[in-house]
Amino acid sequence: MVGTEEPRRAGVRAVQILAVAACYYAAAQLGLLRELTVGGAVVTPIWPPTGVAVTALLVLGLGCWPGVTLGAFFAVLSLTTPGPEVLGVLVGNTAAPVCAALLLRRARFRTDLSRLRDGLALVFLGALTAMLISATIGVGLLVLSGSLAGHSFWIVWLAWWVGDAMGVLIVTPLLLLLVHGVRRPLPLGRWKEAAALVLAACAVVPLSAYSSISLLFLVYPLIIWAALRFQLMGSVPCALLTSVVATVAATDEVGAFAGLNRVEIMVKLQAFNGAMALTALLLSAVIIEQHNTRRSVERACQELVEVLEHLTAGEAPPPRPHSGTDGDRGRQPEAP
């Protein structure tokens, strides 16, 4: 029995590694559809593979890290002929997500993002801190190999770092939402509101990105609406749509990004994407935490009323069941 269990586990792990590599490579191809040339180097405003890698390491475990390395290798292979510096790039692209997963585990991160501290940990530990590794190693190797001028180090480093961080901020919450799924279907009235939100997003987001008078601020009421009423289920897809549309407009140099040089486009796009993703993620986490607290208080009040009723009737109070507060703490509550 033990002898057959070990090969089975090895086979499952091998399948997981190959699946992670395939997803990483597919996400890389999506990210490469839109590029910006900054400081003589080609960078992507959003690098989705970092979000895929961090999610895989959190959900499947650190043992699937070879899938990240394998996916990164094939992504590099699709761009250029590998040289000696590719080894360093692979190390950086693997070490950054692994470091993010380790930092998040140490912070007791919950993958359902049910607390504000989970959102803060994902932003400051998983995205902004861990992605310093990949940006520093990657750009440093470009300078050392002579592929990038030394004076362009910081502007390219900033673009690389923010692109990797945006992949974590936008892609990881979406994938974690898909992993946990929707526990309860929305009632009919909420579906009508959800449809109105989708229609508003399809109208407001392109208008804000492609308007020549720069109306990017119009997306924030939309993000707030989605977060308040639907939490992550509404704010994360809305943030992804907004980021994609803004990135397309920026790389085409139209609308709010017309008349700017490449550095200005990169700074404006990354600042907008970062502020929008932070608003969507942290506001949703705050609302979820408040709903969880309210549900815990309501449950405690209900148990207290039952105890008082039995004491008034002169009966012994029924044995209290094991409180589900800890188990429900990770659930995303239904919005009122």
C-alpha atoms as a PDB file:
ATOM      1  CA  MET A   1       0.000   0.000   0.000  1.00  0.00           C
ATOM      2  CA  VAL A   2       2.794   2.387   0.949  1.00  0.00           C
ATOM      3  CA  GLY A   3       4.734   1.395  -2.119  1.00  0.00           C
ATOM      4  CA  THR A   4       1.927   2.429  -4.463  1.00  0.00           C
ATOM      5  CA  GLU A   5       1.234   5.648  -2.582  1.00  0.00           C
ATOM      6  CA  GLU A   6       4.632   7.213  -3.237  1.00  0.00           C
ATOM      7  CA  PRO A   7       4.553   6.808  -7.063  1.00  0.00           C
ATOM      8  CA  ARG A   8       1.021   8.178  -7.057  1.00  0.00           C
ATOM      9  CA  ARG A   9       2.089  11.286  -5.171  1.00  0.00           C
ATOM     10  CA  ALA A  10       5.066  11.723  -7.491  1.00  0.00           C
ATOM     11  CA  GLY A  11       2.770  11.434 -10.495  1.00  0.00           C
ATOM     12  CA  VAL A  12       0.350  14.011  -9.091  1.00  0.00           C
ATOM     13  CA  ARG A  13       3.217  16.394  -8.386  1.00  0.00           C
ATOM     14  CA  ALA A  14       4.588  15.930 -11.909  1.00  0.00           C
ATOM     15  CA  VAL A  15       1.177  16.753 -13.396  1.00  0.00           C
ATOM     16  CA  GLN A  16       0.934  19.841 -11.192  1.00  0.00           C
ATOM     17  CA  ILE A  17       4.402  21.016 -12.258  1.00  0.00           C
ATOM     18  CA  LEU A  18       3.543  20.613 -15.941  1.00  0.00           C
ATOM     19  CA  ALA A  19       0.220  22.392 -15.438  1.00  0.00           C
ATOM     20  CA  VAL A  20       1.944  25.307 -13.699  1.00  0.00           C
ATOM     21  CA  ALA A  21       4.515  25.514 -16.499  1.00  0.00           C
ATOM     22  CA  ALA A  22       1.776  25.538 -19.156  1.00  0.00           C
ATOM     23  CA  CYS A  23      -0.235  28.212 -17.345  1.00  0.00           C
ATOM     24  CA  TYR A  24       2.888  30.316 -16.787  1.00  0.00           C
ATOM     25  CA  TYR A  25       3.807  30.124 -20.474  1.00  0.00           C
ATOM     26  CA  ALA A  26       0.248  30.953 -21.601  1.00  0.00           C
ATOM     27  CA  ALA A  27       0.122  33.932 -19.236  1.00  0.00           C
ATOM     28  CA  ALA A  28       3.494  35.109 -20.584  1.00  0.00           C
ATOM     29  CA  GLN A  29       2.179  35.059 -24.131  1.00  0.00           C
ATOM     30  CA  LEU A  30      -0.802  37.159 -23.048  1.00  0.00           C
ATOM     31  CA  GLY A  31       1.487  39.633 -21.327  1.00  0.00           C
ATOM     32  CA  LEU A  32       3.703  39.948 -24.386  1.00  0.00           C
ATOM     33  CA  LEU A  33       0.766  41.036 -26.540  1.00  0.00           C
ATOM     34  CA  ARG A  34       1.216  44.579 -25.232  1.00  0.00           C
ATOM     35  CA  GLU A  35       4.724  45.948 -24.722  1.00  0.00           C
ATOM     36  CA  LEU A  36       6.426  49.270 -24.114  1.00  0.00           C
ATOM     37  CA  THR A  37       9.968  50.236 -25.035  1.00  0.00           C
ATOM     38  CA  VAL A  38      11.485  52.145 -22.128  1.00  0.00           C
ATOM     39  CA  GLY A  39      15.147  53.062 -21.847  1.00  0.00           C
ATOM     40  CA  GLY A  40      16.073  50.822 -24.766  1.00  0.00           C
ATOM     41  CA  ALA A  41      14.438  47.726 -23.233  1.00  0.00           C
ATOM     42  CA  VAL A  42      11.091  46.111 -23.951  1.00  0.00           C
ATOM     43  CA  VAL A  43       8.904  45.835 -20.841  1.00  0.00           C
ATOM     44  CA  THR A  44       5.325  44.768 -20.207  1.00  0.00           C
ATOM     45  CA  PRO A  45       3.040  47.037 -18.128  1.00  0.00           C
ATOM     46  CA  ILE A  46       1.472  43.921 -16.583  1.00  0.00           C
ATOM     47  CA  TRP A  47       3.307  40.593 -16.301  1.00  0.00           C
ATOM     48  CA  PRO A  48       0.562  38.007 -15.585  1.00  0.00           C
ATOM     49  CA  PRO A  49       2.935  35.030 -15.001  1.00  0.00           C
ATOM     50  CA  THR A  50       3.926  36.418 -11.595  1.00  0.00           C
ATOM     51  CA  GLY A  51       0.305  36.235 -10.502  1.00  0.00           C
ATOM     52  CA  VAL A  52       0.019  32.699 -11.849  1.00  0.00           C
ATOM     53  CA  ALA A  53       3.213  31.623 -10.077  1.00  0.00           C
ATOM     54  CA  VAL A  54       2.278  33.115  -6.701  1.00  0.00           C
ATOM     55  CA  THR A  55      -1.191  31.559  -6.855  1.00  0.00           C
ATOM     56  CA  ALA A  56       0.195  28.131  -7.764  1.00  0.00           C
ATOM     57  CA  LEU A  57       2.702  28.216  -4.910  1.00  0.00           C
ATOM     58  CA  LEU A  58       0.026  29.258  -2.418  1.00  0.00           C
ATOM     59  CA  VAL A  59      -2.582  26.733  -3.532  1.00  0.00           C
ATOM     60  CA  LEU A  60      -0.488  23.745  -4.641  1.00  0.00           C
ATOM     61  CA  GLY A  61       2.486  24.233  -2.347  1.00  0.00           C
ATOM     62  CA  LEU A  62       6.111  25.234  -2.752  1.00  0.00           C
ATOM     63  CA  GLY A  63       6.882  21.865  -4.335  1.00  0.00           C
ATOM     64  CA  CYS A  64       5.585  23.076  -7.693  1.00  0.00           C
ATOM     65  CA  TRP A  65       8.356  25.680  -8.075  1.00  0.00           C
ATOM     66  CA  PRO A  66      10.003  23.720 -10.953  1.00  0.00           C
ATOM     67  CA  GLY A  67       6.876  24.476 -12.990  1.00  0.00           C
ATOM     68  CA  VAL A  68       7.576  28.196 -12.589  1.00  0.00           C
ATOM     69  CA  THR A  69      11.159  27.746 -13.756  1.00  0.00           C
ATOM     70  CA  LEU A  70      10.107  25.572 -16.684  1.00  0.00           C
ATOM     71  CA  GLY A  71       7.408  28.006 -17.768  1.00  0.00           C
ATOM     72  CA  ALA A  72       9.823  30.938 -17.515  1.00  0.00           C
ATOM     73  CA  PHE A  73      12.386  29.071 -19.622  1.00  0.00           C
ATOM     74  CA  PHE A  74       9.928  28.428 -22.453  1.00  0.00           C
ATOM     75  CA  ALA A  75       8.724  32.026 -22.234  1.00  0.00           C
ATOM     76  CA  VAL A  76      12.305  33.263 -22.699  1.00  0.00           C
ATOM     77  CA  LEU A  77      12.847  30.693 -25.441  1.00  0.00           C
ATOM     78  CA  SER A  78       9.876  32.130 -27.365  1.00  0.00           C
ATOM     79  CA  LEU A  79      11.502  35.558 -27.328  1.00  0.00           C
ATOM     80  CA  THR A  80      15.179  34.991 -28.021  1.00  0.00           C
ATOM     81  CA  THR A  81      17.984  32.472 -28.209  1.00  0.00           C
ATOM     82  CA  PRO A  82      18.979  31.600 -24.636  1.00  0.00           C
ATOM     83  CA  GLY A  83      22.385  32.787 -23.501  1.00  0.00           C
ATOM     84  CA  PRO A  84      24.365  32.394 -20.281  1.00  0.00           C
ATOM     85  CA  GLU A  85      22.394  35.239 -18.666  1.00  0.00           C
ATOM     86  CA  VAL A  86      19.154  33.262 -19.023  1.00  0.00           C
ATOM     87  CA  LEU A  87      20.103  31.204 -15.981  1.00  0.00           C
ATOM     88  CA  GLY A  88      20.068  34.332 -13.829  1.00  0.00           C
ATOM     89  CA  VAL A  89      16.728  35.435 -15.292  1.00  0.00           C
ATOM     90  CA  LEU A  90      15.235  32.033 -14.460  1.00  0.00           C
ATOM     91  CA  VAL A  91      16.581  32.267 -10.926  1.00  0.00           C
ATOM     92  CA  GLY A  92      15.046  35.705 -10.469  1.00  0.00           C
ATOM     93  CA  ASN A  93      11.685  34.755 -11.991  1.00  0.00           C
ATOM     94  CA  THR A  94      11.506  31.700  -9.735  1.00  0.00           C
ATOM     95  CA  ALA A  95      12.898  33.221  -6.545  1.00  0.00           C
ATOM     96  CA  ALA A  96      10.494  36.176  -6.528  1.00  0.00           C
ATOM     97  CA  PRO A  97       7.250  34.122  -6.439  1.00  0.00           C
ATOM     98  CA  VAL A  98       8.770  31.637  -3.990  1.00  0.00           C
ATOM     99  CA  CYS A  99       9.807  34.511  -1.719  1.00  0.00           C
ATOM    100  CA  ALA A 100       6.292  35.980  -2.051  1.00  0.00           C
ATOM    101  CA  ALA A 101       4.702  32.676  -1.022  1.00  0.00           C
ATOM    102  CA  LEU A 102       7.069  32.302   1.954  1.00  0.00           C
ATOM    103  CA  LEU A 103       6.418  35.854   3.153  1.00  0.00           C
ATOM    104  CA  LEU A 104       2.660  35.404   2.825  1.00  0.00           C
ATOM    105  CA  ARG A 105       2.746  32.109   4.710  1.00  0.00           C
ATOM    106  CA  ARG A 106       4.743  33.677   7.485  1.00  0.00           C
ATOM    107  CA  ALA A 107       2.144  36.451   7.682  1.00  0.00           C
ATOM    108  CA  ARG A 108      -0.573  33.740   7.967  1.00  0.00           C
ATOM    109  CA  PHE A 109      -2.145  34.851   4.721  1.00  0.00           C
ATOM    110  CA  ARG A 110      -5.578  33.402   3.915  1.00  0.00           C
ATOM    111  CA  THR A 111      -6.163  32.687   0.259  1.00  0.00           C
ATOM    112  CA  ASP A 112      -9.823  33.770   0.440  1.00  0.00           C
ATOM    113  CA  LEU A 113      -8.681  37.354   1.211  1.00  0.00           C
ATOM    114  CA  SER A 114     -11.292  37.587   3.957  1.00  0.00           C
ATOM    115  CA  ARG A 115      -9.390  40.088   6.109  1.00  0.00           C
ATOM    116  CA  LEU A 116      -7.825  43.475   5.573  1.00  0.00           C
ATOM    117  CA  ARG A 117      -4.477  42.091   6.739  1.00  0.00           C
ATOM    118  CA  ASP A 118      -4.634  39.556   3.871  1.00  0.00           C
ATOM    119  CA  GLY A 119      -5.034  42.341   1.336  1.00  0.00           C
ATOM    120  CA  LEU A 120      -2.228  44.347   2.901  1.00  0.00           C
ATOM    121  CA  ALA A 121       0.039  41.300   2.988  1.00  0.00           C
ATOM    122  CA  LEU A 122      -0.597  40.536  -0.680  1.00  0.00           C
ATOM    123  CA  VAL A 123       0.140  44.138  -1.664  1.00  0.00           C
ATOM    124  CA  PHE A 124       3.194  44.908   0.441  1.00  0.00           C
ATOM    125  CA  LEU A 125       4.761  41.456   0.873  1.00  0.00           C
ATOM    126  CA  GLY A 126       3.649  39.415  -2.134  1.00  0.00           C
ATOM    127  CA  ALA A 127       3.774  42.192  -4.740  1.00  0.00           C
ATOM    128  CA  LEU A 128       5.904  45.181  -3.782  1.00  0.00           C
ATOM    129  CA  THR A 129       8.570  43.434  -1.684  1.00  0.00           C
ATOM    130  CA  ALA A 130       9.051  40.026  -3.315  1.00  0.00           C
ATOM    131  CA  MET A 131       9.067  41.377  -6.874  1.00  0.00           C
ATOM    132  CA  LEU A 132      12.138  43.469  -6.063  1.00  0.00           C
ATOM    133  CA  ILE A 133      14.094  40.244  -6.553  1.00  0.00           C
ATOM    134  CA  SER A 134      13.080  39.555 -10.143  1.00  0.00           C
ATOM    135  CA  ALA A 135      13.432  43.194 -11.204  1.00  0.00           C
ATOM    136  CA  THR A 136      16.873  43.629  -9.656  1.00  0.00           C
ATOM    137  CA  ILE A 137      18.282  40.366 -11.003  1.00  0.00           C
ATOM    138  CA  GLY A 138      16.734  40.758 -14.456  1.00  0.00           C
ATOM    139  CA  VAL A 139      17.765  44.355 -15.108  1.00  0.00           C
ATOM    140  CA  GLY A 140      21.142  43.846 -13.446  1.00  0.00           C
ATOM    141  CA  LEU A 141      21.921  40.993 -15.827  1.00  0.00           C
ATOM    142  CA  LEU A 142      20.905  43.136 -18.815  1.00  0.00           C
ATOM    143  CA  VAL A 143      23.391  45.810 -17.743  1.00  0.00           C
ATOM    144  CA  LEU A 144      26.175  43.333 -17.008  1.00  0.00           C
ATOM    145  CA  SER A 145      25.734  41.583 -20.357  1.00  0.00           C
ATOM    146  CA  GLY A 146      25.843  44.896 -22.232  1.00  0.00           C
ATOM    147  CA  SER A 147      22.265  44.598 -23.509  1.00  0.00           C
ATOM    148  CA  LEU A 148      21.238  47.699 -21.572  1.00  0.00           C
ATOM    149  CA  ALA A 149      23.056  50.971 -20.964  1.00  0.00           C
ATOM    150  CA  GLY A 150      23.934  51.686 -17.355  1.00  0.00           C
ATOM    151  CA  HIS A 151      22.137  55.049 -17.309  1.00  0.00           C
ATOM    152  CA  SER A 152      18.852  53.292 -18.186  1.00  0.00           C
ATOM    153  CA  PHE A 153      19.042  50.931 -15.217  1.00  0.00           C
ATOM    154  CA  TRP A 154      16.599  52.696 -12.904  1.00  0.00           C
ATOM    155  CA  ILE A 155      13.855  53.506 -15.396  1.00  0.00           C
ATOM    156  CA  VAL A 156      13.890  49.945 -16.751  1.00  0.00           C
ATOM    157  CA  TRP A 157      14.119  48.545 -13.223  1.00  0.00           C
ATOM    158  CA  LEU A 158      11.057  50.568 -12.193  1.00  0.00           C
ATOM    159  CA  ALA A 159       9.059  49.366 -15.209  1.00  0.00           C
ATOM    160  CA  TRP A 160      10.085  45.734 -14.605  1.00  0.00           C
ATOM    161  CA  TRP A 161       9.293  45.885 -10.888  1.00  0.00           C
ATOM    162  CA  VAL A 162       5.896  47.520 -11.306  1.00  0.00           C
ATOM    163  CA  GLY A 163       4.954  45.146 -14.143  1.00  0.00           C
ATOM    164  CA  ASP A 164       5.728  42.103 -11.981  1.00  0.00           C
ATOM    165  CA  ALA A 165       3.931  43.617  -8.996  1.00  0.00           C
ATOM    166  CA  MET A 166       0.851  44.411 -11.094  1.00  0.00           C
ATOM    167  CA  GLY A 167       0.720  40.787 -12.186  1.00  0.00           C
ATOM    168  CA  VAL A 168       0.399  39.794  -8.522  1.00  0.00           C
ATOM    169  CA  LEU A 169      -2.081  42.545  -7.643  1.00  0.00           C
ATOM    170  CA  ILE A 170      -4.456  41.869 -10.533  1.00  0.00           C
ATOM    171  CA  VAL A 171      -4.055  38.216 -11.492  1.00  0.00           C
ATOM    172  CA  THR A 172      -3.548  36.565  -8.092  1.00  0.00           C
ATOM    173  CA  PRO A 173      -6.844  37.802  -6.526  1.00  0.00           C
ATOM    174  CA  LEU A 174      -8.732  36.722  -9.647  1.00  0.00           C
ATOM    175  CA  LEU A 175      -7.247  33.219  -9.590  1.00  0.00           C
ATOM    176  CA  LEU A 176      -7.813  32.861  -5.848  1.00  0.00           C
ATOM    177  CA  LEU A 177     -11.420  33.905  -6.388  1.00  0.00           C
ATOM    178  CA  LEU A 178     -11.783  31.176  -9.002  1.00  0.00           C
ATOM    179  CA  VAL A 179     -10.203  28.626  -6.659  1.00  0.00           C
ATOM    180  CA  HIS A 180     -12.640  29.340  -3.841  1.00  0.00           C
ATOM    181  CA  GLY A 181     -15.621  29.922  -6.125  1.00  0.00           C
ATOM    182  CA  VAL A 182     -18.978  31.450  -5.259  1.00  0.00           C
ATOM    183  CA  ARG A 183     -20.545  29.686  -2.303  1.00  0.00           C
ATOM    184  CA  ARG A 184     -24.101  30.926  -2.845  1.00  0.00           C
ATOM    185  CA  PRO A 185     -25.836  32.100  -6.010  1.00  0.00           C
ATOM    186  CA  LEU A 186     -27.030  35.668  -6.123  1.00  0.00           C
ATOM    187  CA  PRO A 187     -30.773  36.289  -5.778  1.00  0.00           C
ATOM    188  CA  LEU A 188     -32.641  37.575  -8.782  1.00  0.00           C
ATOM    189  CA  GLY A 189     -32.533  41.179  -7.623  1.00  0.00           C
ATOM    190  CA  ARG A 190     -28.753  41.070  -7.265  1.00  0.00           C
ATOM    191  CA  TRP A 191     -28.360  39.609 -10.753  1.00  0.00           C
ATOM    192  CA  LYS A 192     -30.126  42.681 -12.111  1.00  0.00           C
ATOM    193  CA  GLU A 193     -27.694  44.921 -10.249  1.00  0.00           C
ATOM    194  CA  ALA A 194     -24.769  42.795 -11.448  1.00  0.00           C
ATOM    195  CA  ALA A 195     -25.968  43.177 -15.040  1.00  0.00           C
ATOM    196  CA  ALA A 196     -26.214  46.949 -14.531  1.00  0.00           C
ATOM    197  CA  LEU A 197     -22.657  46.955 -13.194  1.00  0.00           C
ATOM    198  CA  VAL A 198     -21.394  45.032 -16.223  1.00  0.00           C
ATOM    199  CA  LEU A 199     -23.130  47.417 -18.620  1.00  0.00           C
ATOM    200  CA  ALA A 200     -21.778  50.435 -16.762  1.00  0.00           C
ATOM    201  CA  ALA A 201     -18.257  48.992 -16.832  1.00  0.00           C
ATOM    202  CA  CYS A 202     -18.449  48.302 -20.577  1.00  0.00           C
ATOM    203  CA  ALA A 203     -19.482  51.922 -21.145  1.00  0.00           C
ATOM    204  CA  VAL A 204     -17.390  53.822 -18.596  1.00  0.00           C
ATOM    205  CA  VAL A 205     -14.060  51.991 -18.850  1.00  0.00           C
ATOM    206  CA  PRO A 206     -13.488  52.491 -22.622  1.00  0.00           C
ATOM    207  CA  LEU A 207     -14.718  56.088 -22.333  1.00  0.00           C
ATOM    208  CA  SER A 208     -12.294  56.866 -19.522  1.00  0.00           C
ATOM    209  CA  ALA A 209      -9.304  55.304 -21.298  1.00  0.00           C
ATOM    210  CA  TYR A 210      -9.929  56.511 -24.843  1.00  0.00           C
ATOM    211  CA  SER A 211     -11.237  60.003 -24.115  1.00  0.00           C
ATOM    212  CA  SER A 212      -8.817  62.699 -25.224  1.00  0.00           C
ATOM    213  CA  ILE A 213      -9.535  64.802 -22.115  1.00  0.00           C
ATOM    214  CA  SER A 214      -8.255  62.071 -19.732  1.00  0.00           C
ATOM    215  CA  LEU A 215     -11.248  60.787 -17.795  1.00  0.00           C
ATOM    216  CA  LEU A 216      -9.468  57.920 -16.036  1.00  0.00           C
ATOM    217  CA  PHE A 217     -10.851  59.065 -12.686  1.00  0.00           C
ATOM    218  CA  LEU A 218     -14.335  57.934 -13.792  1.00  0.00           C
ATOM    219  CA  VAL A 219     -13.469  54.291 -13.090  1.00  0.00           C
ATOM    220  CA  TYR A 220     -13.100  54.830  -9.337  1.00  0.00           C
ATOM    221  CA  PRO A 221     -16.838  55.188  -8.573  1.00  0.00           C
ATOM    222  CA  LEU A 222     -17.300  52.010 -10.608  1.00  0.00           C
ATOM    223  CA  ILE A 223     -14.634  50.152  -8.604  1.00  0.00           C
ATOM    224  CA  ILE A 224     -16.142  51.379  -5.333  1.00  0.00           C
ATOM    225  CA  TRP A 225     -19.634  50.280  -6.412  1.00  0.00           C
ATOM    226  CA  ALA A 226     -18.346  46.833  -7.341  1.00  0.00           C
ATOM    227  CA  ALA A 227     -16.413  46.451  -4.070  1.00  0.00           C
ATOM    228  CA  LEU A 228     -19.232  47.652  -1.817  1.00  0.00           C
ATOM    229  CA  ARG A 229     -21.952  45.529  -3.372  1.00  0.00           C
ATOM    230  CA  PHE A 230     -20.112  42.427  -4.637  1.00  0.00           C
ATOM    231  CA  GLN A 231     -16.736  42.496  -2.850  1.00  0.00           C
ATOM    232  CA  LEU A 232     -13.998  40.558  -4.662  1.00  0.00           C
ATOM    233  CA  MET A 233     -16.475  38.925  -7.012  1.00  0.00           C
ATOM    234  CA  GLY A 234     -17.230  42.356  -8.471  1.00  0.00           C
ATOM    235  CA  SER A 235     -14.139  44.468  -7.897  1.00  0.00           C
ATOM    236  CA  VAL A 236     -11.495  42.022  -9.170  1.00  0.00           C
ATOM    237  CA  PRO A 237     -13.019  41.441 -12.663  1.00  0.00           C
ATOM    238  CA  CYS A 238     -13.748  45.154 -12.898  1.00  0.00           C
ATOM    239  CA  ALA A 239     -10.139  45.989 -12.041  1.00  0.00           C
ATOM    240  CA  LEU A 240      -8.878  43.462 -14.600  1.00  0.00           C
ATOM    241  CA  LEU A 241     -11.084  44.920 -17.348  1.00  0.00           C
ATOM    242  CA  THR A 242      -9.989  48.442 -16.501  1.00  0.00           C
ATOM    243  CA  SER A 243      -6.305  47.523 -16.466  1.00  0.00           C
ATOM    244  CA  VAL A 244      -6.492  45.689 -19.797  1.00  0.00           C
ATOM    245  CA  VAL A 245      -8.330  48.527 -21.557  1.00  0.00           C
ATOM    246  CA  ALA A 246      -5.978  51.154 -20.131  1.00  0.00           C
ATOM    247  CA  THR A 247      -2.940  49.108 -21.159  1.00  0.00           C
ATOM    248  CA  VAL A 248      -4.228  48.749 -24.720  1.00  0.00           C
ATOM    249  CA  ALA A 249      -4.858  52.497 -24.934  1.00  0.00           C
ATOM    250  CA  ALA A 250      -1.386  53.230 -23.520  1.00  0.00           C
ATOM    251  CA  THR A 251       0.479  50.948 -25.919  1.00  0.00           C
ATOM    252  CA  ASP A 252      -1.510  52.416 -28.830  1.00  0.00           C
ATOM    253  CA  GLU A 253      -0.732  55.947 -27.508  1.00  0.00           C
ATOM    254  CA  VAL A 254      -4.328  57.110 -27.819  1.00  0.00           C
ATOM    255  CA  GLY A 255      -6.920  58.688 -25.545  1.00  0.00           C
ATOM    256  CA  ALA A 256      -5.597  59.601 -22.119  1.00  0.00           C
ATOM    257  CA  PHE A 257      -2.060  58.616 -23.208  1.00  0.00           C
ATOM    258  CA  ALA A 258      -1.857  60.577 -26.446  1.00  0.00           C
ATOM    259  CA  GLY A 259       0.971  63.104 -26.849  1.00  0.00           C
ATOM    260  CA  LEU A 260       3.185  61.555 -24.164  1.00  0.00           C
ATOM    261  CA  ASN A 261       6.622  60.037 -24.559  1.00  0.00           C
ATOM    262  CA  ARG A 262       7.237  56.408 -23.614  1.00  0.00           C
ATOM    263  CA  VAL A 263       8.502  57.159 -20.118  1.00  0.00           C
ATOM    264  CA  GLU A 264       5.516  59.397 -19.369  1.00  0.00           C
ATOM    265  CA  ILE A 265       3.143  56.738 -20.708  1.00  0.00           C
ATOM    266  CA  MET A 266       4.730  54.088 -18.530  1.00  0.00           C
ATOM    267  CA  VAL A 267       4.612  56.236 -15.377  1.00  0.00           C
ATOM    268  CA  LYS A 268       1.010  57.322 -15.954  1.00  0.00           C
ATOM    269  CA  LEU A 269      -0.207  53.819 -16.777  1.00  0.00           C
ATOM    270  CA  GLN A 270       1.556  52.154 -13.871  1.00  0.00           C
ATOM    271  CA  ALA A 271       0.385  54.792 -11.401  1.00  0.00           C
ATOM    272  CA  PHE A 272      -3.202  54.408 -12.594  1.00  0.00           C
ATOM    273  CA  ASN A 273      -3.139  50.603 -12.596  1.00  0.00           C
ATOM    274  CA  GLY A 274      -1.526  50.473  -9.174  1.00  0.00           C
ATOM    275  CA  ALA A 275      -3.941  52.920  -7.542  1.00  0.00           C
ATOM    276  CA  MET A 276      -6.946  51.215  -9.133  1.00  0.00           C
ATOM    277  CA  ALA A 277      -5.854  47.704  -8.122  1.00  0.00           C
ATOM    278  CA  LEU A 278      -5.097  48.818  -4.560  1.00  0.00           C
ATOM    279  CA  THR A 279      -8.526  50.459  -4.281  1.00  0.00           C
ATOM    280  CA  ALA A 280     -10.325  47.356  -5.541  1.00  0.00           C
ATOM    281  CA  LEU A 281      -8.404  44.859  -3.415  1.00  0.00           C
ATOM    282  CA  LEU A 282      -8.179  46.704  -0.102  1.00  0.00           C
ATOM    283  CA  LEU A 283     -11.727  48.092  -0.165  1.00  0.00           C
ATOM    284  CA  SER A 284     -13.113  44.625  -0.887  1.00  0.00           C
ATOM    285  CA  ALA A 285     -11.057  43.160   1.970  1.00  0.00           C
ATOM    286  CA  VAL A 286     -12.385  45.814   4.376  1.00  0.00           C
ATOM    287  CA  ILE A 287     -16.010  45.126   3.382  1.00  0.00           C
ATOM    288  CA  ILE A 288     -15.556  41.356   3.695  1.00  0.00           C
ATOM    289  CA  GLU A 289     -13.986  41.711   7.140  1.00  0.00           C
ATOM    290  CA  GLN A 290     -16.832  43.967   8.307  1.00  0.00           C
ATOM    291  CA  HIS A 291     -19.447  41.497   7.065  1.00  0.00           C
ATOM    292  CA  ASN A 292     -17.667  38.622   8.809  1.00  0.00           C
ATOM    293  CA  THR A 293     -17.564  40.601  12.062  1.00  0.00           C
ATOM    294  CA  ARG A 294     -21.255  41.427  11.786  1.00  0.00           C
ATOM    295  CA  ARG A 295     -22.142  37.792  11.174  1.00  0.00           C
ATOM    296  CA  SER A 296     -20.094  36.714  14.196  1.00  0.00           C
ATOM    297  CA  VAL A 297     -21.868  39.280  16.410  1.00  0.00           C
ATOM    298  CA  GLU A 298     -25.288  38.222  15.105  1.00  0.00           C
ATOM    299  CA  ARG A 299     -24.465  34.564  15.789  1.00  0.00           C
ATOM    300  CA  ALA A 300     -23.300  35.347  19.322  1.00  0.00           C
ATOM    301  CA  CYS A 301     -26.449  37.381  19.996  1.00  0.00           C
ATOM    302  CA  GLN A 302     -28.627  34.543  18.738  1.00  0.00           C
ATOM    303  CA  GLU A 303     -26.869  32.040  21.028  1.00  0.00           C
ATOM    304  CA  LEU A 304     -27.279  34.438  23.973  1.00  0.00           C
ATOM    305  CA  VAL A 305     -31.014  34.807  23.308  1.00  0.00           C
ATOM    306  CA  GLU A 306     -31.419  31.025  23.225  1.00  0.00           C
ATOM    307  CA  VAL A 307     -29.596  30.659  26.544  1.00  0.00           C
ATOM    308  CA  LEU A 308     -31.722  33.381  28.167  1.00  0.00           C
ATOM    309  CA  GLU A 309     -34.934  31.770  26.905  1.00  0.00           C
ATOM    310  CA  HIS A 310     -34.007  28.438  28.486  1.00  0.00           C
ATOM    311  CA  LEU A 311     -32.963  30.088  31.765  1.00  0.00           C
ATOM    312  CA  THR A 312     -36.244  31.995  31.921  1.00  0.00           C
ATOM    313  CA  ALA A 313     -38.198  28.799  31.345  1.00  0.00           C
ATOM    314  CA  GLY A 314     -36.284  27.124  34.174  1.00  0.00           C
ATOM    315  CA  GLU A 315     -34.598  24.620  31.886  1.00  0.00           C
ATOM    316  CA  ALA A 316     -30.971  23.795  31.535  1.00  0.00           C
ATOM    317  CA  PRO A 317     -29.511  25.494  28.474  1.00  0.00           C
ATOM    318  CA  PRO A 318     -28.769  23.166  25.581  1.00  0.00           C
ATOM    319  CA  PRO A 319     -25.138  22.262  24.991  1.00  0.00           C
ATOM    320  CA  ARG A 320     -23.517  24.848  22.796  1.00  0.00           C
ATOM    321  CA  PRO A 321     -22.262  23.485  19.506  1.00  0.00           C
ATOM    322  CA  HIS A 322     -18.753  24.162  18.422  1.00  0.00           C
ATOM    323  CA  SER A 323     -18.686  27.752  17.250  1.00  0.00           C
ATOM    324  CA  GLY A 324     -18.230  28.078  13.521  1.00  0.00           C
ATOM    325  CA  THR A 325     -16.715  31.503  13.821  1.00  0.00           C
ATOM    326  CA  ASP A 326     -13.240  30.319  12.910  1.00  0.00           C
ATOM    327  CA  GLY A 327     -14.505  28.221  10.059  1.00  0.00           C
ATOM    328  CA  ASP A 328     -16.727  30.961   8.699  1.00  0.00           C
ATOM    329  CA  ARG A 329     -14.130  33.625   9.123  1.00  0.00           C
ATOM    330  CA  GLY A 330     -12.697  32.808   5.737  1.00  0.00           C
ATOM    331  CA  ARG A 331     -16.005  32.851   3.916  1.00  0.00           C
ATOM    332  CA  GLN A 332     -16.942  35.736   1.752  1.00  0.00           C
ATOM    333  CA  PRO A 333     -20.408  36.804   3.009  1.00  0.00           C
ATOM    334  CA  GLU A 334     -23.308  37.647   0.824  1.00  0.00           C
ATOM    335  CA  ALA A 335     -23.529  41.376   0.289  1.00  0.00           C
ATOM    336  CA  PRO A 336     -26.621  43.034   1.797  1.00  0.00           C
END
